[in-house]
Amino acid sequence: MNSVPTEAPEQTRETVGRWLEKKDRHRGEPLLPSRTNRGRPMTTRQYARLLASWLRAIGLDPLAYGTHSLRRTRASMIYRRTGNLRAVQLLLGHTKIESTVRYLGIDVDDALLTTEQVEI
């Protein structure tokens, strides 16, 4: 699984910090360990199953949401709020801006127009 570093909000960092203390997790250990080998991170498949169970628990259809759609949703929300295509590119770990444009499903001309409207 590829990972892209991301900045978590302060409230999230504090919550995760408390959870790590409660679970007696240490630096270098996986945040979300595998069920079968606590020293290894959970697999993408394990995470997808866990997400599906959370979605069912709150009454949502797991087929309508997934790990990847949530990643795309966050990127889309950031782009809509800021118009900053470069920031979204960095967030997603894309090397080419064209990949980000395609990923977001936006028209290249619209993306360029939005970025031109942001004054620096």
C-alpha atoms as a PDB file:
ATOM      1  CA  MET A   1       0.000   0.000   0.000  1.00  0.00           C
ATOM      2  CA  ASN A   2       1.404   3.395  -0.950  1.00  0.00           C
ATOM      3  CA  SER A   3       1.258   6.024   1.724  1.00  0.00           C
ATOM      4  CA  VAL A   4       1.361   9.765   1.351  1.00  0.00           C
ATOM      5  CA  PRO A   5       2.246  11.868   4.390  1.00  0.00           C
ATOM      6  CA  THR A   6      -0.575  14.126   5.486  1.00  0.00           C
ATOM      7  CA  GLU A   7      -1.063  16.689   8.210  1.00  0.00           C
ATOM      8  CA  ALA A   8      -3.748  15.782  10.730  1.00  0.00           C
ATOM      9  CA  PRO A   9      -5.711  18.481  12.571  1.00  0.00           C
ATOM     10  CA  GLU A  10      -4.652  19.111  16.185  1.00  0.00           C
ATOM     11  CA  GLN A  11      -7.797  17.473  17.623  1.00  0.00           C
ATOM     12  CA  THR A  12      -7.084  14.336  15.586  1.00  0.00           C
ATOM     13  CA  ARG A  13      -3.443  14.257  16.737  1.00  0.00           C
ATOM     14  CA  GLU A  14      -4.531  14.577  20.375  1.00  0.00           C
ATOM     15  CA  THR A  15      -7.146  11.841  20.030  1.00  0.00           C
ATOM     16  CA  VAL A  16      -4.714   9.472  18.326  1.00  0.00           C
ATOM     17  CA  GLY A  17      -2.088  10.267  20.973  1.00  0.00           C
ATOM     18  CA  ARG A  18      -4.504   9.324  23.772  1.00  0.00           C
ATOM     19  CA  TRP A  19      -5.481   6.147  21.919  1.00  0.00           C
ATOM     20  CA  LEU A  20      -1.818   5.183  21.463  1.00  0.00           C
ATOM     21  CA  GLU A  21      -1.170   5.683  25.180  1.00  0.00           C
ATOM     22  CA  LYS A  22      -4.224   3.607  26.102  1.00  0.00           C
ATOM     23  CA  LYS A  23      -3.201   0.805  23.733  1.00  0.00           C
ATOM     24  CA  ASP A  24       0.448   1.071  24.918  1.00  0.00           C
ATOM     25  CA  ARG A  25       1.673   1.555  21.335  1.00  0.00           C
ATOM     26  CA  HIS A  26       5.210   2.822  20.810  1.00  0.00           C
ATOM     27  CA  ARG A  27       7.025   4.813  18.140  1.00  0.00           C
ATOM     28  CA  GLY A  28       7.635   2.697  15.047  1.00  0.00           C
ATOM     29  CA  GLU A  29       4.759   0.328  15.759  1.00  0.00           C
ATOM     30  CA  PRO A  30       1.838   0.399  13.336  1.00  0.00           C
ATOM     31  CA  LEU A  31      -1.044   2.693  14.246  1.00  0.00           C
ATOM     32  CA  LEU A  32      -3.491   0.104  12.927  1.00  0.00           C
ATOM     33  CA  PRO A  33      -1.891  -3.312  13.496  1.00  0.00           C
ATOM     34  CA  SER A  34      -2.800  -6.516  11.688  1.00  0.00           C
ATOM     35  CA  ARG A  35      -5.169  -8.896  13.466  1.00  0.00           C
ATOM     36  CA  THR A  36      -2.779 -11.786  12.870  1.00  0.00           C
ATOM     37  CA  ASN A  37       0.602 -10.084  13.449  1.00  0.00           C
ATOM     38  CA  ARG A  38       0.518  -7.096  15.819  1.00  0.00           C
ATOM     39  CA  GLY A  39       3.955  -5.952  14.652  1.00  0.00           C
ATOM     40  CA  ARG A  40       2.757  -5.430  11.078  1.00  0.00           C
ATOM     41  CA  PRO A  41       0.214  -2.891   9.822  1.00  0.00           C
ATOM     42  CA  MET A  42      -3.255  -4.062   8.865  1.00  0.00           C
ATOM     43  CA  THR A  43      -3.674  -4.843   5.214  1.00  0.00           C
ATOM     44  CA  THR A  44      -5.691  -2.742   2.806  1.00  0.00           C
ATOM     45  CA  ARG A  45      -8.262  -5.529   2.732  1.00  0.00           C
ATOM     46  CA  GLN A  46      -8.542  -5.614   6.530  1.00  0.00           C
ATOM     47  CA  TYR A  47      -9.042  -1.839   6.553  1.00  0.00           C
ATOM     48  CA  ALA A  48     -11.738  -2.087   3.850  1.00  0.00           C
ATOM     49  CA  ARG A  49     -13.613  -4.702   5.926  1.00  0.00           C
ATOM     50  CA  LEU A  50     -13.349  -2.543   9.040  1.00  0.00           C
ATOM     51  CA  LEU A  51     -14.629   0.517   7.161  1.00  0.00           C
ATOM     52  CA  ALA A  52     -17.540  -1.518   5.770  1.00  0.00           C
ATOM     53  CA  SER A  53     -18.506  -2.621   9.296  1.00  0.00           C
ATOM     54  CA  TRP A  54     -18.393   1.005  10.528  1.00  0.00           C
ATOM     55  CA  LEU A  55     -20.563   2.119   7.604  1.00  0.00           C
ATOM     56  CA  ARG A  56     -23.120  -0.627   8.277  1.00  0.00           C
ATOM     57  CA  ALA A  57     -23.136   0.316  11.986  1.00  0.00           C
ATOM     58  CA  ILE A  58     -24.198   3.888  11.170  1.00  0.00           C
ATOM     59  CA  GLY A  59     -26.741   2.795   8.587  1.00  0.00           C
ATOM     60  CA  LEU A  60     -24.817   3.568   5.391  1.00  0.00           C
ATOM     61  CA  ASP A  61     -24.411   1.257   2.433  1.00  0.00           C
ATOM     62  CA  PRO A  62     -20.806  -0.025   2.338  1.00  0.00           C
ATOM     63  CA  LEU A  63     -21.108  -0.405  -1.445  1.00  0.00           C
ATOM     64  CA  ALA A  64     -21.585   3.369  -1.770  1.00  0.00           C
ATOM     65  CA  TYR A  65     -18.401   4.229   0.161  1.00  0.00           C
ATOM     66  CA  GLY A  66     -14.899   2.874   0.263  1.00  0.00           C
ATOM     67  CA  THR A  67     -11.391   3.728   1.297  1.00  0.00           C
ATOM     68  CA  HIS A  68     -10.598   5.184  -2.097  1.00  0.00           C
ATOM     69  CA  SER A  69     -13.818   7.179  -2.442  1.00  0.00           C
ATOM     70  CA  LEU A  70     -13.162   8.757   0.964  1.00  0.00           C
ATOM     71  CA  ARG A  71      -9.661   9.755  -0.168  1.00  0.00           C
ATOM     72  CA  ARG A  72     -11.119  11.303  -3.317  1.00  0.00           C
ATOM     73  CA  THR A  73     -13.831  13.071  -1.315  1.00  0.00           C
ATOM     74  CA  ARG A  74     -11.278  14.759   0.939  1.00  0.00           C
ATOM     75  CA  ALA A  75      -9.202  15.884  -2.036  1.00  0.00           C
ATOM     76  CA  SER A  76     -12.308  17.204  -3.819  1.00  0.00           C
ATOM     77  CA  MET A  77     -13.435  19.127  -0.744  1.00  0.00           C
ATOM     78  CA  ILE A  78     -10.033  20.761  -0.353  1.00  0.00           C
ATOM     79  CA  TYR A  79      -9.984  21.728  -4.024  1.00  0.00           C
ATOM     80  CA  ARG A  80     -13.523  23.171  -3.905  1.00  0.00           C
ATOM     81  CA  ARG A  81     -12.784  25.210  -0.764  1.00  0.00           C
ATOM     82  CA  THR A  82      -9.378  26.517  -1.803  1.00  0.00           C
ATOM     83  CA  GLY A  83      -9.086  26.196  -5.577  1.00  0.00           C
ATOM     84  CA  ASN A  84      -5.484  25.190  -4.844  1.00  0.00           C
ATOM     85  CA  LEU A  85      -4.759  22.426  -7.315  1.00  0.00           C
ATOM     86  CA  ARG A  86      -1.081  22.269  -6.320  1.00  0.00           C
ATOM     87  CA  ALA A  87      -1.959  21.629  -2.664  1.00  0.00           C
ATOM     88  CA  VAL A  88      -4.263  18.777  -3.684  1.00  0.00           C
ATOM     89  CA  GLN A  89      -1.531  17.393  -5.936  1.00  0.00           C
ATOM     90  CA  LEU A  90       0.880  17.327  -2.983  1.00  0.00           C
ATOM     91  CA  LEU A  91      -1.758  15.833  -0.677  1.00  0.00           C
ATOM     92  CA  LEU A  92      -2.384  12.995  -3.113  1.00  0.00           C
ATOM     93  CA  GLY A  93       1.288  12.430  -3.889  1.00  0.00           C
ATOM     94  CA  HIS A  94       0.805  12.902  -7.623  1.00  0.00           C
ATOM     95  CA  THR A  95       3.905  13.777  -9.644  1.00  0.00           C
ATOM     96  CA  LYS A  96       1.945  15.340 -12.509  1.00  0.00           C
ATOM     97  CA  ILE A  97      -0.710  18.022 -12.123  1.00  0.00           C
ATOM     98  CA  GLU A  98      -2.578  16.411 -15.025  1.00  0.00           C
ATOM     99  CA  SER A  99      -3.049  13.285 -12.892  1.00  0.00           C
ATOM    100  CA  THR A 100      -4.621  15.384 -10.153  1.00  0.00           C
ATOM    101  CA  VAL A 101      -6.948  17.098 -12.613  1.00  0.00           C
ATOM    102  CA  ARG A 102      -8.030  13.720 -13.998  1.00  0.00           C
ATOM    103  CA  TYR A 103      -8.384  12.255 -10.484  1.00  0.00           C
ATOM    104  CA  LEU A 104     -10.668  15.088  -9.391  1.00  0.00           C
ATOM    105  CA  GLY A 105     -12.685  14.806 -12.581  1.00  0.00           C
ATOM    106  CA  ILE A 106     -12.366  18.478 -13.359  1.00  0.00           C
ATOM    107  CA  ASP A 107     -11.854  20.098 -16.713  1.00  0.00           C
ATOM    108  CA  VAL A 108      -8.303  21.375 -17.297  1.00  0.00           C
ATOM    109  CA  ASP A 109      -9.612  24.788 -18.421  1.00  0.00           C
ATOM    110  CA  ASP A 110     -11.726  25.079 -15.246  1.00  0.00           C
ATOM    111  CA  ALA A 111      -8.729  24.163 -13.101  1.00  0.00           C
ATOM    112  CA  LEU A 112      -6.527  26.746 -14.795  1.00  0.00           C
ATOM    113  CA  LEU A 113      -9.224  29.411 -14.527  1.00  0.00           C
ATOM    114  CA  THR A 114      -9.629  28.710 -10.808  1.00  0.00           C
ATOM    115  CA  THR A 115      -5.915  28.932 -10.131  1.00  0.00           C
ATOM    116  CA  GLU A 116      -5.624  32.144 -12.139  1.00  0.00           C
ATOM    117  CA  GLN A 117      -8.322  33.726  -9.951  1.00  0.00           C
ATOM    118  CA  VAL A 118      -6.240  33.203  -6.826  1.00  0.00           C
ATOM    119  CA  GLU A 119      -4.078  36.260  -6.315  1.00  0.00           C
ATOM    120  CA  ILE A 120      -0.577  35.871  -4.927  1.00  0.00           C
END
